[in-house]
PDB file of N, CA and C in Angstrom:
ATOM      1  N   MET A   1     -72.946 325.098 228.710  1.00  0.00           N
ATOM      2  CA  MET A   1     -73.773 324.044 228.170  1.00  0.00           C
ATOM      3  C   MET A   1     -72.948 322.790 227.956  1.00  0.00           C
ATOM      4  N   LYS A   2     -73.515 321.681 228.286  1.00  0.00           N
ATOM      5  CA  LYS A   2     -72.823 320.408 228.096  1.00  0.00           C
ATOM      6  C   LYS A   2     -73.007 319.930 226.663  1.00  0.00           C
ATOM      7  N   LYS A   3     -71.950 319.336 226.143  1.00  0.00           N
ATOM      8  CA  LYS A   3     -72.046 318.744 224.807  1.00  0.00           C
ATOM      9  C   LYS A   3     -72.713 317.389 224.921  1.00  0.00           C
ATOM     10  N   GLN A   4     -73.573 317.122 223.990  1.00  0.00           N
ATOM     11  CA  GLN A   4     -74.215 315.813 223.968  1.00  0.00           C
ATOM     12  C   GLN A   4     -73.446 314.918 223.000  1.00  0.00           C
ATOM     13  N   LEU A   5     -73.158 313.746 223.451  1.00  0.00           N
ATOM     14  CA  LEU A   5     -72.473 312.774 222.609  1.00  0.00           C
ATOM     15  C   LEU A   5     -73.487 311.756 222.126  1.00  0.00           C
ATOM     16  N   PHE A   6     -73.479 311.534 220.860  1.00  0.00           N
ATOM     17  CA  PHE A   6     -74.398 310.568 220.274  1.00  0.00           C
ATOM     18  C   PHE A   6     -73.601 309.365 219.792  1.00  0.00           C
ATOM     19  N   LYS A   7     -74.077 308.223 220.153  1.00  0.00           N
ATOM     20  CA  LYS A   7     -73.439 306.992 219.711  1.00  0.00           C
ATOM     21  C   LYS A   7     -74.017 306.624 218.350  1.00  0.00           C
ATOM     22  N   LYS A   8     -73.126 306.453 217.381  1.00  0.00           N
ATOM     23  CA  LYS A   8     -73.573 306.062 216.044  1.00  0.00           C
ATOM     24  C   LYS A   8     -73.992 304.602 216.058  1.00  0.00           C
ATOM     25  N   GLU A   9     -75.039 304.339 215.337  1.00  0.00           N
ATOM     26  CA  GLU A   9     -75.469 302.944 215.219  1.00  0.00           C
ATOM     27  C   GLU A   9     -74.528 302.231 214.262  1.00  0.00           C
ATOM     28  N   ARG A  10     -74.183 301.046 214.634  1.00  0.00           N
ATOM     29  CA  ARG A  10     -73.304 300.230 213.792  1.00  0.00           C
ATOM     30  C   ARG A  10     -74.046 298.942 213.472  1.00  0.00           C
ATOM     31  N   PRO A  11     -74.606 298.874 212.270  1.00  0.00           N
ATOM     32  CA  PRO A  11     -75.422 297.703 211.928  1.00  0.00           C
ATOM     33  C   PRO A  11     -74.654 296.390 211.928  1.00  0.00           C
ATOM     34  N   ASN A  12     -73.358 296.427 211.687  1.00  0.00           N
ATOM     35  CA  ASN A  12     -72.572 295.191 211.612  1.00  0.00           C
ATOM     36  C   ASN A  12     -71.784 294.930 212.886  1.00  0.00           C
ATOM     37  N   GLU A  13     -72.138 295.621 213.950  1.00  0.00           N
ATOM     38  CA  GLU A  13     -71.407 295.438 215.199  1.00  0.00           C
ATOM     39  C   GLU A  13     -71.549 293.993 215.663  1.00  0.00           C
ATOM     40  N   GLY A  14     -70.458 293.400 216.026  1.00  0.00           N
ATOM     41  CA  GLY A  14     -70.480 292.010 216.468  1.00  0.00           C
ATOM     42  C   GLY A  14     -70.244 291.019 215.339  1.00  0.00           C
ATOM     43  N   VAL A  15     -70.273 291.498 214.101  1.00  0.00           N
ATOM     44  CA  VAL A  15     -70.027 290.634 212.949  1.00  0.00           C
ATOM     45  C   VAL A  15     -68.535 290.701 212.650  1.00  0.00           C
ATOM     46  N   PRO A  16     -67.862 289.568 212.511  1.00  0.00           N
ATOM     47  CA  PRO A  16     -66.418 289.589 212.245  1.00  0.00           C
ATOM     48  C   PRO A  16     -66.106 290.326 210.951  1.00  0.00           C
ATOM     49  N   ASP A  17     -65.059 291.104 210.985  1.00  0.00           N
ATOM     50  CA  ASP A  17     -64.607 291.851 209.819  1.00  0.00           C
ATOM     51  C   ASP A  17     -63.913 290.887 208.858  1.00  0.00           C
ATOM     52  N   ALA A  18     -64.189 291.035 207.576  1.00  0.00           N
ATOM     53  CA  ALA A  18     -63.598 290.144 206.573  1.00  0.00           C
ATOM     54  C   ALA A  18     -62.087 290.325 206.482  1.00  0.00           C
ATOM     55  N   THR A  19     -61.576 291.493 206.894  1.00  0.00           N
ATOM     56  CA  THR A  19     -60.137 291.719 206.820  1.00  0.00           C
ATOM     57  C   THR A  19     -59.407 291.108 207.995  1.00  0.00           C
ATOM     58  N   GLN A  20     -60.132 290.723 209.036  1.00  0.00           N
ATOM     59  CA  GLN A  20     -59.498 290.072 210.166  1.00  0.00           C
ATOM     60  C   GLN A  20     -59.252 288.616 209.812  1.00  0.00           C
ATOM     61  N   GLY A  21     -58.350 287.984 210.544  1.00  0.00           N
ATOM     62  CA  GLY A  21     -57.956 286.615 210.242  1.00  0.00           C
ATOM     63  C   GLY A  21     -59.126 285.660 210.153  1.00  0.00           C
ATOM     64  N   SER A  22     -59.081 284.814 209.175  1.00  0.00           N
ATOM     65  CA  SER A  22     -60.086 283.772 209.011  1.00  0.00           C
ATOM     66  C   SER A  22     -59.355 282.478 208.691  1.00  0.00           C
ATOM     67  N   GLN A  23     -60.090 281.407 208.542  1.00  0.00           N
ATOM     68  CA  GLN A  23     -59.478 280.113 208.251  1.00  0.00           C
ATOM     69  C   GLN A  23     -58.799 280.116 206.884  1.00  0.00           C
ATOM     70  N   GLU A  24     -59.323 280.885 205.920  1.00  0.00           N
ATOM     71  CA  GLU A  24     -58.785 280.865 204.565  1.00  0.00           C
ATOM     72  C   GLU A  24     -57.590 281.793 204.392  1.00  0.00           C
ATOM     73  N   THR A  25     -57.470 282.820 205.198  1.00  0.00           N
ATOM     74  CA  THR A  25     -56.427 283.822 205.027  1.00  0.00           C
ATOM     75  C   THR A  25     -55.014 283.255 205.069  1.00  0.00           C
ATOM     76  N   PRO A  26     -54.663 282.368 206.008  1.00  0.00           N
ATOM     77  CA  PRO A  26     -53.284 281.871 206.007  1.00  0.00           C
ATOM     78  C   PRO A  26     -52.881 281.223 204.688  1.00  0.00           C
ATOM     79  N   GLY A  27     -53.783 280.519 204.028  1.00  0.00           N
ATOM     80  CA  GLY A  27     -53.467 279.914 202.743  1.00  0.00           C
ATOM     81  C   GLY A  27     -53.160 280.959 201.691  1.00  0.00           C
ATOM     82  N   VAL A  28     -53.934 282.026 201.680  1.00  0.00           N
ATOM     83  CA  VAL A  28     -53.715 283.116 200.732  1.00  0.00           C
ATOM     84  C   VAL A  28     -52.396 283.808 201.040  1.00  0.00           C
ATOM     85  N   ASP A  29     -52.138 284.048 202.319  1.00  0.00           N
ATOM     86  CA  ASP A  29     -50.883 284.690 202.712  1.00  0.00           C
ATOM     87  C   ASP A  29     -49.687 283.833 202.322  1.00  0.00           C
ATOM     88  N   ASP A  30     -49.793 282.525 202.525  1.00  0.00           N
ATOM     89  CA  ASP A  30     -48.710 281.615 202.153  1.00  0.00           C
ATOM     90  C   ASP A  30     -48.489 281.633 200.645  1.00  0.00           C
ATOM     91  N   LEU A  31     -49.571 281.646 199.896  1.00  0.00           N
ATOM     92  CA  LEU A  31     -49.482 281.664 198.440  1.00  0.00           C
ATOM     93  C   LEU A  31     -48.808 282.944 197.964  1.00  0.00           C
ATOM     94  N   GLN A  32     -49.224 284.079 198.517  1.00  0.00           N
ATOM     95  CA  GLN A  32     -48.612 285.353 198.134  1.00  0.00           C
ATOM     96  C   GLN A  32     -47.134 285.396 198.513  1.00  0.00           C
ATOM     97  N   ALA A  33     -46.797 284.846 199.664  1.00  0.00           N
ATOM     98  CA  ALA A  33     -45.398 284.816 200.089  1.00  0.00           C
ATOM     99  C   ALA A  33     -44.570 283.952 199.143  1.00  0.00           C
ATOM    100  N   CYS A  34     -45.138 282.851 198.711  1.00  0.00           N
ATOM    101  CA  CYS A  34     -44.448 281.950 197.791  1.00  0.00           C
ATOM    102  C   CYS A  34     -44.226 282.637 196.439  1.00  0.00           C
ATOM    103  N   ILE A  35     -45.246 283.327 195.957  1.00  0.00           N
ATOM    104  CA  ILE A  35     -45.138 284.055 194.688  1.00  0.00           C
ATOM    105  C   ILE A  35     -44.102 285.168 194.817  1.00  0.00           C
ATOM    106  N   ALA A  36     -44.148 285.899 195.917  1.00  0.00           N
ATOM    107  CA  ALA A  36     -43.198 286.993 196.137  1.00  0.00           C
ATOM    108  C   ALA A  36     -41.765 286.467 196.182  1.00  0.00           C
ATOM    109  N   HIS A  37     -41.577 285.335 196.840  1.00  0.00           N
ATOM    110  CA  HIS A  37     -40.242 284.737 196.931  1.00  0.00           C
ATOM    111  C   HIS A  37     -39.732 284.353 195.544  1.00  0.00           C
ATOM    112  N   ARG A  38     -40.594 283.724 194.756  1.00  0.00           N
ATOM    113  CA  ARG A  38     -40.197 283.310 193.403  1.00  0.00           C
ATOM    114  C   ARG A  38     -39.940 284.524 192.519  1.00  0.00           C
ATOM    115  N   ALA A  39     -40.756 285.560 192.655  1.00  0.00           N
ATOM    116  CA  ALA A  39     -40.556 286.781 191.869  1.00  0.00           C
ATOM    117  C   ALA A  39     -39.206 287.413 192.207  1.00  0.00           C
ATOM    118  N   TYR A  40     -38.845 287.371 193.475  1.00  0.00           N
ATOM    119  CA  TYR A  40     -37.547 287.915 193.889  1.00  0.00           C
ATOM    120  C   TYR A  40     -36.399 287.083 193.314  1.00  0.00           C
ATOM    121  N   GLU A  41     -36.578 285.774 193.279  1.00  0.00           N
ATOM    122  CA  GLU A  41     -35.558 284.915 192.667  1.00  0.00           C
ATOM    123  C   GLU A  41     -35.379 285.272 191.192  1.00  0.00           C
ATOM    124  N   LEU A  42     -36.473 285.492 190.493  1.00  0.00           N
ATOM    125  CA  LEU A  42     -36.401 285.872 189.079  1.00  0.00           C
ATOM    126  C   LEU A  42     -35.686 287.210 188.913  1.00  0.00           C
ATOM    127  N   TYR A  43     -35.996 288.147 189.799  1.00  0.00           N
ATOM    128  CA  TYR A  43     -35.345 289.461 189.801  1.00  0.00           C
ATOM    129  C   TYR A  43     -33.833 289.305 189.961  1.00  0.00           C
ATOM    130  N   GLU A  44     -33.429 288.458 190.890  1.00  0.00           N
ATOM    131  CA  GLU A  44     -31.997 288.230 191.112  1.00  0.00           C
ATOM    132  C   GLU A  44     -31.354 287.532 189.917  1.00  0.00           C
ATOM    133  N   GLN A  45     -32.063 286.558 189.335  1.00  0.00           N
ATOM    134  CA  GLN A  45     -31.525 285.815 188.189  1.00  0.00           C
ATOM    135  C   GLN A  45     -31.274 286.729 186.997  1.00  0.00           C
ATOM    136  N   GLU A  46     -32.073 287.784 186.881  1.00  0.00           N
ATOM    137  CA  GLU A  46     -31.919 288.712 185.759  1.00  0.00           C
ATOM    138  C   GLU A  46     -31.005 289.884 186.109  1.00  0.00           C
ATOM    139  N   GLY A  47     -30.208 289.723 187.148  1.00  0.00           N
ATOM    140  CA  GLY A  47     -29.213 290.731 187.488  1.00  0.00           C
ATOM    141  C   GLY A  47     -29.739 291.912 188.282  1.00  0.00           C
ATOM    142  N   CYS A  48     -30.817 291.727 189.012  1.00  0.00           N
ATOM    143  CA  CYS A  48     -31.399 292.788 189.858  1.00  0.00           C
ATOM    144  C   CYS A  48     -31.730 294.038 189.046  1.00  0.00           C
ATOM    145  N   CYS A  49     -32.192 293.822 187.833  1.00  0.00           N
ATOM    146  CA  CYS A  49     -32.558 294.920 186.942  1.00  0.00           C
ATOM    147  C   CYS A  49     -33.947 295.442 187.314  1.00  0.00           C
ATOM    148  N   HIS A  50     -34.014 296.705 187.690  1.00  0.00           N
ATOM    149  CA  HIS A  50     -35.280 297.302 188.109  1.00  0.00           C
ATOM    150  C   HIS A  50     -36.201 297.548 186.912  1.00  0.00           C
ATOM    151  N   GLY A  51     -37.497 297.635 187.192  1.00  0.00           N
ATOM    152  CA  GLY A  51     -38.471 297.962 186.160  1.00  0.00           C
ATOM    153  C   GLY A  51     -39.199 296.767 185.577  1.00  0.00           C
ATOM    154  N   HIS A  52     -38.886 295.576 186.061  1.00  0.00           N
ATOM    155  CA  HIS A  52     -39.533 294.375 185.539  1.00  0.00           C
ATOM    156  C   HIS A  52     -40.308 293.639 186.624  1.00  0.00           C
ATOM    157  N   ASP A  53     -40.675 294.373 187.668  1.00  0.00           N
ATOM    158  CA  ASP A  53     -41.331 293.739 188.808  1.00  0.00           C
ATOM    159  C   ASP A  53     -42.639 293.066 188.433  1.00  0.00           C
ATOM    160  N   LEU A  54     -43.434 293.690 187.585  1.00  0.00           N
ATOM    161  CA  LEU A  54     -44.703 293.079 187.189  1.00  0.00           C
ATOM    162  C   LEU A  54     -44.466 291.815 186.372  1.00  0.00           C
ATOM    163  N   ASP A  55     -43.499 291.870 185.464  1.00  0.00           N
ATOM    164  CA  ASP A  55     -43.170 290.680 184.672  1.00  0.00           C
ATOM    165  C   ASP A  55     -42.734 289.529 185.578  1.00  0.00           C
ATOM    166  N   HIS A  56     -41.890 289.846 186.556  1.00  0.00           N
ATOM    167  CA  HIS A  56     -41.423 288.819 187.485  1.00  0.00           C
ATOM    168  C   HIS A  56     -42.580 288.264 188.304  1.00  0.00           C
ATOM    169  N   TRP A  57     -43.464 289.146 188.761  1.00  0.00           N
ATOM    170  CA  TRP A  57     -44.601 288.699 189.576  1.00  0.00           C
ATOM    171  C   TRP A  57     -45.506 287.784 188.755  1.00  0.00           C
ATOM    172  N   LEU A  58     -45.826 288.183 187.529  1.00  0.00           N
ATOM    173  CA  LEU A  58     -46.732 287.379 186.698  1.00  0.00           C
ATOM    174  C   LEU A  58     -46.116 286.028 186.346  1.00  0.00           C
ATOM    175  N   GLN A  59     -44.825 286.020 186.056  1.00  0.00           N
ATOM    176  CA  GLN A  59     -44.155 284.750 185.763  1.00  0.00           C
ATOM    177  C   GLN A  59     -44.149 283.863 187.001  1.00  0.00           C
ATOM    178  N   ALA A  60     -43.855 284.442 188.151  1.00  0.00           N
ATOM    179  CA  ALA A  60     -43.846 283.682 189.402  1.00  0.00           C
ATOM    180  C   ALA A  60     -45.235 283.134 189.706  1.00  0.00           C
ATOM    181  N   GLU A  61     -46.256 283.939 189.461  1.00  0.00           N
ATOM    182  CA  GLU A  61     -47.640 283.500 189.674  1.00  0.00           C
ATOM    183  C   GLU A  61     -47.943 282.276 188.821  1.00  0.00           C
ATOM    184  N   GLN A  62     -47.556 282.332 187.550  1.00  0.00           N
ATOM    185  CA  GLN A  62     -47.794 281.201 186.648  1.00  0.00           C
ATOM    186  C   GLN A  62     -47.076 279.954 187.135  1.00  0.00           C
ATOM    187  N   GLU A  63     -45.838 280.112 187.541  1.00  0.00           N
ATOM    188  CA  GLU A  63     -45.058 278.964 187.996  1.00  0.00           C
ATOM    189  C   GLU A  63     -45.631 278.369 189.278  1.00  0.00           C
ATOM    190  N   VAL A  64     -45.961 279.220 190.233  1.00  0.00           N
ATOM    191  CA  VAL A  64     -46.458 278.746 191.525  1.00  0.00           C
ATOM    192  C   VAL A  64     -47.836 278.111 191.388  1.00  0.00           C
ATOM    193  N   LEU A  65     -48.666 278.683 190.549  1.00  0.00           N
ATOM    194  CA  LEU A  65     -50.025 278.159 190.386  1.00  0.00           C
ATOM    195  C   LEU A  65     -50.088 276.997 189.405  1.00  0.00           C
ATOM    196  N   GLY A  66     -48.944 276.627 188.831  1.00  0.00           N
ATOM    197  CA  GLY A  66     -48.900 275.458 187.960  1.00  0.00           C
ATOM    198  C   GLY A  66     -49.223 275.754 186.512  1.00  0.00           C
ATOM    199  N   GLY A  67     -49.190 276.994 186.122  1.00  0.00           N
ATOM    200  CA  GLY A  67     -49.508 277.353 184.745  1.00  0.00           C
ATOM    201  C   GLY A  67     -48.280 277.593 183.907  1.00  0.00           C
ATOM    202  N   ASP A  68     -47.155 276.955 184.270  1.00  0.00           N
ATOM    203  CA  ASP A  68     -45.919 277.218 183.540  1.00  0.00           C
ATOM    204  C   ASP A  68     -45.676 276.226 182.412  1.00  0.00           C
ATOM    205  N   GLN A  69     -46.704 275.451 182.026  1.00  0.00           N
ATOM    206  CA  GLN A  69     -46.522 274.538 180.902  1.00  0.00           C
ATOM    207  C   GLN A  69     -46.485 275.345 179.612  1.00  0.00           C
ATOM    208  N   LYS A  70     -45.562 274.997 178.746  1.00  0.00           N
ATOM    209  CA  LYS A  70     -45.430 275.704 177.468  1.00  0.00           C
ATOM    210  C   LYS A  70     -46.318 275.024 176.436  1.00  0.00           C
ATOM    211  N   SER A  71     -47.007 275.838 175.624  1.00  0.00           N
ATOM    212  CA  SER A  71     -47.907 275.283 174.597  1.00  0.00           C
ATOM    213  C   SER A  71     -47.175 275.100 173.299  1.00  0.00           C
TER     214      SER A  71
END
């Protein structure tokens, strides 16, 4: 007996995937790269001490996004 192959219907076929490159993605990628670079600089400035990656990332985010003003 021959096996029958059924093609699944794909309702979004032909619609670009949101995860594929778009006009806005390069800006987001550049921003993340900038934050990552600054976070790494902070890591190095503190003597490459492990365990503070989130602190470094959040501080870098604030600095890069312009929220580093002290109140």
